[in-house]
Amino acid sequence: MGLADERLASPITPIRRIQLMARYDDLKEFVESMERDFSQFYEKGNKAAGTRVRKGMQDLKKMAQDIRVEIQDKKSDM
């Protein structure tokens, strides 16, 4: 088994798993926090809620990009 195979075969420690899942949980909580504004905009036509949804989606895009960069950095280190 080569060095790369050993790294892939090594288990993720419980602490590292918690750190990785924290990013996922942050994303999930953020999306869930926008549910009320989505509902107000699409169901009631509230324009201010639409503005908040647009801002939230921009923030979500930034969060996703940050995670993509983090993942690419980790892949490069493997």
Protein backbone atom coordinates (compact mmCIF):
# COMPACT_ATOMS: atom_id res chain seq x y z
CA MET A 1 0.00 0.00 0.00
CA GLY A 2 1.39 3.41 -0.97
CA LEU A 3 1.43 6.53 1.19
CA ALA A 4 -1.71 7.94 -0.43
CA ASP A 5 -3.53 4.64 0.14
CA GLU A 6 -2.55 4.67 3.81
CA ARG A 7 -3.94 8.19 4.26
CA LEU A 8 -7.22 7.24 2.62
CA ALA A 9 -7.46 4.06 4.66
CA SER A 10 -6.84 5.79 8.00
CA PRO A 11 -10.04 6.35 9.99
CA ILE A 12 -11.30 9.81 10.80
CA THR A 13 -10.94 10.48 14.50
CA PRO A 14 -14.10 11.35 16.46
CA ILE A 15 -12.82 14.89 17.09
CA ARG A 16 -12.10 15.46 13.39
CA ARG A 17 -15.52 14.07 12.46
CA ILE A 18 -17.13 16.61 14.82
CA GLN A 19 -15.14 19.44 13.20
CA LEU A 20 -16.12 18.33 9.71
CA MET A 21 -19.77 17.92 10.58
CA ALA A 22 -19.84 21.33 12.25
CA ARG A 23 -19.46 22.93 8.80
CA TYR A 24 -22.38 20.85 7.52
CA ASP A 25 -24.48 21.70 10.57
CA ASP A 26 -23.72 25.42 10.10
CA LEU A 27 -24.95 25.23 6.50
CA LYS A 28 -28.07 23.31 7.46
CA GLU A 29 -28.95 25.72 10.28
CA PHE A 30 -28.39 28.70 8.01
CA VAL A 31 -30.73 27.35 5.34
CA GLU A 32 -33.34 26.47 7.94
CA SER A 33 -33.10 30.00 9.38
CA MET A 34 -34.27 31.40 6.03
CA GLU A 35 -37.43 29.29 5.91
CA ARG A 36 -39.66 32.02 7.39
CA ASP A 37 -38.48 34.61 4.86
CA PHE A 38 -38.96 32.16 1.98
CA SER A 39 -42.50 31.52 3.16
CA GLN A 40 -43.26 35.22 3.62
CA PHE A 41 -42.00 36.06 0.16
CA TYR A 42 -43.46 33.18 -1.86
CA GLU A 43 -46.73 32.71 0.01
CA LYS A 44 -47.54 36.28 1.09
CA GLY A 45 -45.65 38.37 -1.46
CA ASN A 46 -43.64 40.23 1.19
CA LYS A 47 -40.98 42.15 -0.78
CA ALA A 48 -38.77 42.80 2.27
CA ALA A 49 -38.66 39.06 2.92
CA GLY A 50 -37.54 38.57 -0.69
CA THR A 51 -34.69 41.00 -0.10
CA ARG A 52 -33.67 39.04 3.02
CA VAL A 53 -33.79 35.78 1.04
CA ARG A 54 -31.57 37.25 -1.67
CA LYS A 55 -29.06 38.44 0.94
CA GLY A 56 -29.19 35.06 2.66
CA MET A 57 -28.57 33.28 -0.63
CA GLN A 58 -25.53 35.50 -1.25
CA ASP A 59 -24.23 34.63 2.23
CA LEU A 60 -24.88 30.94 1.51
CA LYS A 61 -22.89 31.24 -1.71
CA LYS A 62 -19.95 32.68 0.24
CA MET A 63 -20.17 29.91 2.85
CA ALA A 64 -20.23 27.28 0.10
CA GLN A 65 -17.22 28.84 -1.61
CA ASP A 66 -15.27 28.88 1.66
CA ILE A 67 -16.03 25.18 2.16
CA ARG A 68 -15.04 24.39 -1.43
CA VAL A 69 -11.67 26.10 -0.90
CA GLU A 70 -11.17 24.23 2.39
CA ILE A 71 -11.93 20.91 0.71
CA GLN A 72 -9.59 21.63 -2.19
CA ASP A 73 -6.80 22.55 0.24
CA LYS A 74 -7.31 19.30 2.13
CA LYS A 75 -7.30 17.31 -1.13
CA SER A 76 -4.04 18.97 -2.14
CA ASP A 77 -2.48 17.94 1.18
CA MET A 78 -3.39 14.29 0.64
